[in-house]
Amino acid sequence: MSDALELTVLGAGLPAAFGFLFGHLDRIVGRHLARRDGAAASGEAEEPVALPACLDGDPGELTPDLDLADRLAGSLQTLYGRLGPYALDAGRLSPQAPGLADDLGALRTLLEAIYGTRLTFHGESREATSMRATVDATAVEGTVKGIEMRGAWGSEQAAFDASVTARHVGPTGRVVGIEVDTTGRGESTGA
């Protein structure tokens, strides 16, 4: 189902990587249970799960495919049960913990599918974290951007993928796949 997470490359970053992955698991399982029980959204914005320094790049805003999460609910809940004890007692986290690397690898694989992006940690021998965006607009009168970045961003190995579709672009409309401002001052570099 998945590749084991390379825990040995994380070293001291293991608790932060675990917190990031488990934090997203907790959020998605919570949303699934609320949807299943017919609970309405509270209207409060969720606090973002902190990006750990050991993540190789910034995946941008992570928006889950909740229908896919519902279909994967059994696997997600199984992983929640197996990883929950580590969330309660982070002192138990160890690269040698039996099954931890496999469970975190399986969790990452599910999260990558649900979020539609790659999540890689520094030192792992796999493609870097990626940022993806898909925009499908009927009519554009202002500006629509797939990805907009300001300042330095993650790894030089990072991948960006933006797909922007507009059926009608009005006279004041502008459609941009990826806009990069490396100055951090809001000045487009024309990329």
C-alpha atoms as a PDB file:
ATOM      1  CA  MET A   1       0.000   0.000   0.000  1.00  0.00           C
ATOM      2  CA  SER A   2       2.768   2.461   0.829  1.00  0.00           C
ATOM      3  CA  ASP A   3       6.442   3.022   1.373  1.00  0.00           C
ATOM      4  CA  ALA A   4       7.606   3.102   4.968  1.00  0.00           C
ATOM      5  CA  LEU A   5       8.481   6.550   6.204  1.00  0.00           C
ATOM      6  CA  GLU A   6      12.262   6.852   6.433  1.00  0.00           C
ATOM      7  CA  LEU A   7      12.304   7.551  10.179  1.00  0.00           C
ATOM      8  CA  THR A   8      16.069   7.413  10.504  1.00  0.00           C
ATOM      9  CA  VAL A   9      16.494  10.472   8.267  1.00  0.00           C
ATOM     10  CA  LEU A  10      14.169  12.486  10.501  1.00  0.00           C
ATOM     11  CA  GLY A  11      16.311  12.146  13.624  1.00  0.00           C
ATOM     12  CA  ALA A  12      15.217  14.804  16.107  1.00  0.00           C
ATOM     13  CA  GLY A  13      12.487  15.870  13.663  1.00  0.00           C
ATOM     14  CA  LEU A  14      10.471  12.681  14.236  1.00  0.00           C
ATOM     15  CA  PRO A  15       8.108  14.239  16.825  1.00  0.00           C
ATOM     16  CA  ALA A  16       7.392  17.213  14.536  1.00  0.00           C
ATOM     17  CA  ALA A  17       6.848  14.986  11.483  1.00  0.00           C
ATOM     18  CA  PHE A  18       4.592  12.693  13.502  1.00  0.00           C
ATOM     19  CA  GLY A  19       2.641  15.693  14.845  1.00  0.00           C
ATOM     20  CA  PHE A  20       2.123  17.030  11.324  1.00  0.00           C
ATOM     21  CA  LEU A  21       0.911  13.718   9.892  1.00  0.00           C
ATOM     22  CA  PHE A  22      -1.202  12.763  12.917  1.00  0.00           C
ATOM     23  CA  GLY A  23      -2.641  16.280  13.161  1.00  0.00           C
ATOM     24  CA  HIS A  24      -3.987  15.954   9.625  1.00  0.00           C
ATOM     25  CA  LEU A  25      -5.255  12.442  10.344  1.00  0.00           C
ATOM     26  CA  ASP A  26      -7.094  13.718  13.434  1.00  0.00           C
ATOM     27  CA  ARG A  27      -8.647  16.570  11.451  1.00  0.00           C
ATOM     28  CA  ILE A  28      -9.771  14.344   8.558  1.00  0.00           C
ATOM     29  CA  VAL A  29     -11.194  11.617  10.820  1.00  0.00           C
ATOM     30  CA  GLY A  30     -13.050  14.313  12.769  1.00  0.00           C
ATOM     31  CA  ARG A  31     -14.516  15.765   9.565  1.00  0.00           C
ATOM     32  CA  HIS A  32     -15.505  12.280   8.379  1.00  0.00           C
ATOM     33  CA  LEU A  33     -17.302  11.501  11.641  1.00  0.00           C
ATOM     34  CA  ALA A  34     -19.106  14.855  11.565  1.00  0.00           C
ATOM     35  CA  ARG A  35     -20.212  14.257   7.964  1.00  0.00           C
ATOM     36  CA  ARG A  36     -21.303  10.719   8.754  1.00  0.00           C
ATOM     37  CA  ASP A  37     -23.353  11.922  11.726  1.00  0.00           C
ATOM     38  CA  GLY A  38     -24.835  14.788   9.704  1.00  0.00           C
ATOM     39  CA  ALA A  39     -23.294  17.466  11.909  1.00  0.00           C
ATOM     40  CA  ALA A  40     -23.178  20.901  10.361  1.00  0.00           C
ATOM     41  CA  ALA A  41     -19.872  22.708  10.084  1.00  0.00           C
ATOM     42  CA  SER A  42     -19.290  24.963  13.090  1.00  0.00           C
ATOM     43  CA  GLY A  43     -18.369  27.943  10.907  1.00  0.00           C
ATOM     44  CA  GLU A  44     -15.143  28.418  12.878  1.00  0.00           C
ATOM     45  CA  ALA A  45     -11.953  28.313  10.864  1.00  0.00           C
ATOM     46  CA  GLU A  46      -9.674  25.449  11.852  1.00  0.00           C
ATOM     47  CA  GLU A  47      -6.222  26.260  13.129  1.00  0.00           C
ATOM     48  CA  PRO A  48      -3.698  25.131  10.523  1.00  0.00           C
ATOM     49  CA  VAL A  49      -1.512  22.152  11.365  1.00  0.00           C
ATOM     50  CA  ALA A  50       1.981  23.595  11.758  1.00  0.00           C
ATOM     51  CA  LEU A  51       4.431  22.770   8.983  1.00  0.00           C
ATOM     52  CA  PRO A  52       7.436  21.066  10.550  1.00  0.00           C
ATOM     53  CA  ALA A  53      10.895  22.352   9.640  1.00  0.00           C
ATOM     54  CA  CYS A  54      11.761  18.814   8.541  1.00  0.00           C
ATOM     55  CA  LEU A  55       9.186  18.950   5.683  1.00  0.00           C
ATOM     56  CA  ASP A  56      10.988  19.398   2.360  1.00  0.00           C
ATOM     57  CA  GLY A  57       9.036  22.397   1.058  1.00  0.00           C
ATOM     58  CA  ASP A  58       5.657  23.959   1.673  1.00  0.00           C
ATOM     59  CA  PRO A  59       2.676  22.170   0.118  1.00  0.00           C
ATOM     60  CA  GLY A  60       0.569  25.315   0.338  1.00  0.00           C
ATOM     61  CA  GLU A  61      -2.996  25.243   1.590  1.00  0.00           C
ATOM     62  CA  LEU A  62      -4.008  21.626   2.079  1.00  0.00           C
ATOM     63  CA  THR A  63      -7.640  21.136   1.089  1.00  0.00           C
ATOM     64  CA  PRO A  64      -8.878  17.574   1.551  1.00  0.00           C
ATOM     65  CA  ASP A  65     -11.022  15.634  -0.880  1.00  0.00           C
ATOM     66  CA  LEU A  66     -13.638  14.727   1.731  1.00  0.00           C
ATOM     67  CA  ASP A  67     -15.424  12.257  -0.552  1.00  0.00           C
ATOM     68  CA  LEU A  68     -12.174  10.326  -0.965  1.00  0.00           C
ATOM     69  CA  ALA A  69     -11.568  10.581   2.793  1.00  0.00           C
ATOM     70  CA  ASP A  70     -15.012   9.057   3.366  1.00  0.00           C
ATOM     71  CA  ARG A  71     -14.135   6.152   1.071  1.00  0.00           C
ATOM     72  CA  LEU A  72     -10.829   5.648   2.931  1.00  0.00           C
ATOM     73  CA  ALA A  73     -12.405   6.029   6.389  1.00  0.00           C
ATOM     74  CA  GLY A  74     -11.775   2.429   7.456  1.00  0.00           C
ATOM     75  CA  SER A  75      -8.036   2.649   6.749  1.00  0.00           C
ATOM     76  CA  LEU A  76      -7.813   6.111   8.336  1.00  0.00           C
ATOM     77  CA  GLN A  77      -9.556   4.962  11.504  1.00  0.00           C
ATOM     78  CA  THR A  78      -7.331   1.871  11.742  1.00  0.00           C
ATOM     79  CA  LEU A  79      -4.235   4.083  11.544  1.00  0.00           C
ATOM     80  CA  TYR A  80      -5.772   6.474  14.067  1.00  0.00           C
ATOM     81  CA  GLY A  81      -6.122   3.602  16.503  1.00  0.00           C
ATOM     82  CA  ARG A  82      -2.556   2.382  15.961  1.00  0.00           C
ATOM     83  CA  LEU A  83      -0.927   5.835  16.057  1.00  0.00           C
ATOM     84  CA  GLY A  84      -3.115   7.356  18.781  1.00  0.00           C
ATOM     85  CA  PRO A  85      -0.963   6.053  21.659  1.00  0.00           C
ATOM     86  CA  TYR A  86       2.029   7.968  20.241  1.00  0.00           C
ATOM     87  CA  ALA A  87      -0.069  11.149  20.118  1.00  0.00           C
ATOM     88  CA  LEU A  88      -0.900  10.672  23.810  1.00  0.00           C
ATOM     89  CA  ASP A  89       2.726   9.943  24.766  1.00  0.00           C
ATOM     90  CA  ALA A  90       5.229  11.386  22.280  1.00  0.00           C
ATOM     91  CA  GLY A  91       8.018   9.989  24.454  1.00  0.00           C
ATOM     92  CA  ARG A  92       7.242   6.601  22.904  1.00  0.00           C
ATOM     93  CA  LEU A  93       8.238   7.826  19.437  1.00  0.00           C
ATOM     94  CA  SER A  94      11.369   6.049  18.274  1.00  0.00           C
ATOM     95  CA  PRO A  95      12.681   5.016  14.851  1.00  0.00           C
ATOM     96  CA  GLN A  96      12.894   1.488  16.296  1.00  0.00           C
ATOM     97  CA  ALA A  97       9.232   1.348  17.413  1.00  0.00           C
ATOM     98  CA  PRO A  98       7.737  -1.769  15.783  1.00  0.00           C
ATOM     99  CA  GLY A  99       5.503  -0.905  12.840  1.00  0.00           C
ATOM    100  CA  LEU A 100       5.773   2.877  13.295  1.00  0.00           C
ATOM    101  CA  ALA A 101       7.605   3.505  10.006  1.00  0.00           C
ATOM    102  CA  ASP A 102       5.089   1.376   8.082  1.00  0.00           C
ATOM    103  CA  ASP A 103       2.066   3.012   9.751  1.00  0.00           C
ATOM    104  CA  LEU A 104       3.395   6.533   9.137  1.00  0.00           C
ATOM    105  CA  GLY A 105       4.221   5.610   5.534  1.00  0.00           C
ATOM    106  CA  ALA A 106       0.683   4.287   5.048  1.00  0.00           C
ATOM    107  CA  LEU A 107      -0.733   7.445   6.628  1.00  0.00           C
ATOM    108  CA  ARG A 108       1.375   9.671   4.402  1.00  0.00           C
ATOM    109  CA  THR A 109       0.223   7.746   1.303  1.00  0.00           C
ATOM    110  CA  LEU A 110      -3.429   8.271   2.283  1.00  0.00           C
ATOM    111  CA  LEU A 111      -2.885  11.956   3.071  1.00  0.00           C
ATOM    112  CA  GLU A 112      -1.107  12.488  -0.253  1.00  0.00           C
ATOM    113  CA  ALA A 113      -4.130  11.008  -2.041  1.00  0.00           C
ATOM    114  CA  ILE A 114      -6.642  13.012   0.009  1.00  0.00           C
ATOM    115  CA  TYR A 115      -4.748  16.296  -0.386  1.00  0.00           C
ATOM    116  CA  GLY A 116      -3.543  15.618  -3.938  1.00  0.00           C
ATOM    117  CA  THR A 117       0.034  16.564  -3.156  1.00  0.00           C
ATOM    118  CA  ARG A 118       3.347  14.964  -2.235  1.00  0.00           C
ATOM    119  CA  LEU A 119       4.617  15.245   1.367  1.00  0.00           C
ATOM    120  CA  THR A 120       8.345  14.550   1.689  1.00  0.00           C
ATOM    121  CA  PHE A 121      10.679  15.129   4.611  1.00  0.00           C
ATOM    122  CA  HIS A 122      14.296  16.350   4.328  1.00  0.00           C
ATOM    123  CA  GLY A 123      16.733  13.544   3.600  1.00  0.00           C
ATOM    124  CA  GLU A 124      14.205  11.082   2.175  1.00  0.00           C
ATOM    125  CA  SER A 125      14.998   9.461  -1.151  1.00  0.00           C
ATOM    126  CA  ARG A 126      11.766  10.433  -2.931  1.00  0.00           C
ATOM    127  CA  GLU A 127      10.353  13.362  -4.881  1.00  0.00           C
ATOM    128  CA  ALA A 128      10.169  16.627  -2.930  1.00  0.00           C
ATOM    129  CA  THR A 129       7.001  18.061  -1.443  1.00  0.00           C
ATOM    130  CA  SER A 130       4.840  19.556  -4.159  1.00  0.00           C
ATOM    131  CA  MET A 131       2.255  22.277  -4.416  1.00  0.00           C
ATOM    132  CA  ARG A 132      -0.720  21.618  -6.683  1.00  0.00           C
ATOM    133  CA  ALA A 133      -3.763  23.670  -7.548  1.00  0.00           C
ATOM    134  CA  THR A 134      -6.741  23.069  -9.790  1.00  0.00           C
ATOM    135  CA  VAL A 135      -9.113  25.905 -10.642  1.00  0.00           C
ATOM    136  CA  ASP A 136     -12.206  25.497 -12.819  1.00  0.00           C
ATOM    137  CA  ALA A 137     -14.009  28.799 -13.469  1.00  0.00           C
ATOM    138  CA  THR A 138     -17.033  29.513 -15.615  1.00  0.00           C
ATOM    139  CA  ALA A 139     -16.475  33.259 -16.058  1.00  0.00           C
ATOM    140  CA  VAL A 140     -13.525  35.424 -15.027  1.00  0.00           C
ATOM    141  CA  GLU A 141     -13.867  39.191 -14.704  1.00  0.00           C
ATOM    142  CA  GLY A 142     -11.035  39.771 -12.198  1.00  0.00           C
ATOM    143  CA  THR A 143      -7.886  37.729 -11.641  1.00  0.00           C
ATOM    144  CA  VAL A 144      -7.791  33.969 -11.074  1.00  0.00           C
ATOM    145  CA  LYS A 145      -4.521  32.376  -9.969  1.00  0.00           C
ATOM    146  CA  GLY A 146      -3.741  28.716  -9.503  1.00  0.00           C
ATOM    147  CA  ILE A 147      -0.690  29.324  -7.287  1.00  0.00           C
ATOM    148  CA  GLU A 148       0.726  32.616  -6.032  1.00  0.00           C
ATOM    149  CA  MET A 149       4.006  32.610  -4.101  1.00  0.00           C
ATOM    150  CA  ARG A 150       5.862  35.412  -2.361  1.00  0.00           C
ATOM    151  CA  GLY A 151       9.448  35.219  -1.101  1.00  0.00           C
ATOM    152  CA  ALA A 152      11.719  32.193  -0.990  1.00  0.00           C
ATOM    153  CA  TRP A 153       9.932  28.861  -1.121  1.00  0.00           C
ATOM    154  CA  GLY A 154      11.169  25.506   0.145  1.00  0.00           C
ATOM    155  CA  SER A 155      13.527  23.261  -1.721  1.00  0.00           C
ATOM    156  CA  GLU A 156      14.982  23.920  -5.137  1.00  0.00           C
ATOM    157  CA  GLN A 157      13.777  20.396  -5.922  1.00  0.00           C
ATOM    158  CA  ALA A 158      10.137  21.335  -5.198  1.00  0.00           C
ATOM    159  CA  ALA A 159       7.444  20.719  -7.785  1.00  0.00           C
ATOM    160  CA  PHE A 160       4.583  23.031  -8.717  1.00  0.00           C
ATOM    161  CA  ASP A 161       1.559  22.018 -10.750  1.00  0.00           C
ATOM    162  CA  ALA A 162      -1.293  24.381 -11.530  1.00  0.00           C
ATOM    163  CA  SER A 163      -4.224  23.713 -13.807  1.00  0.00           C
ATOM    164  CA  VAL A 164      -6.528  26.659 -14.454  1.00  0.00           C
ATOM    165  CA  THR A 165      -9.550  26.352 -16.714  1.00  0.00           C
ATOM    166  CA  ALA A 166     -11.794  29.305 -17.591  1.00  0.00           C
ATOM    167  CA  ARG A 167     -14.695  29.000 -19.991  1.00  0.00           C
ATOM    168  CA  HIS A 168     -15.023  32.773 -20.478  1.00  0.00           C
ATOM    169  CA  VAL A 169     -12.467  35.489 -19.670  1.00  0.00           C
ATOM    170  CA  GLY A 170     -13.995  38.973 -19.756  1.00  0.00           C
ATOM    171  CA  PRO A 171     -12.225  42.143 -20.883  1.00  0.00           C
ATOM    172  CA  THR A 172     -10.974  42.802 -17.343  1.00  0.00           C
ATOM    173  CA  GLY A 173     -10.222  39.148 -16.688  1.00  0.00           C
ATOM    174  CA  ARG A 174      -6.809  37.612 -16.125  1.00  0.00           C
ATOM    175  CA  VAL A 175      -5.960  33.922 -15.694  1.00  0.00           C
ATOM    176  CA  VAL A 176      -2.607  32.912 -14.205  1.00  0.00           C
ATOM    177  CA  GLY A 177      -1.378  29.372 -13.598  1.00  0.00           C
ATOM    178  CA  ILE A 178       1.582  30.156 -11.308  1.00  0.00           C
ATOM    179  CA  GLU A 179       2.759  33.599 -10.211  1.00  0.00           C
ATOM    180  CA  VAL A 180       6.083  33.866  -8.368  1.00  0.00           C
ATOM    181  CA  ASP A 181       7.379  36.897  -6.476  1.00  0.00           C
ATOM    182  CA  THR A 182      10.827  36.055  -5.130  1.00  0.00           C
ATOM    183  CA  THR A 183      11.293  39.557  -3.738  1.00  0.00           C
ATOM    184  CA  GLY A 184       8.591  39.047  -1.095  1.00  0.00           C
ATOM    185  CA  ARG A 185       7.296  42.572  -1.864  1.00  0.00           C
ATOM    186  CA  GLY A 186       4.406  41.750  -4.169  1.00  0.00           C
ATOM    187  CA  GLU A 187       6.375  42.343  -7.377  1.00  0.00           C
ATOM    188  CA  SER A 188       5.708  39.688  -9.980  1.00  0.00           C
ATOM    189  CA  THR A 189       8.786  38.237 -11.617  1.00  0.00           C
ATOM    190  CA  GLY A 190       6.766  37.351 -14.687  1.00  0.00           C
ATOM    191  CA  ALA A 191       7.233  33.611 -14.140  1.00  0.00           C
END
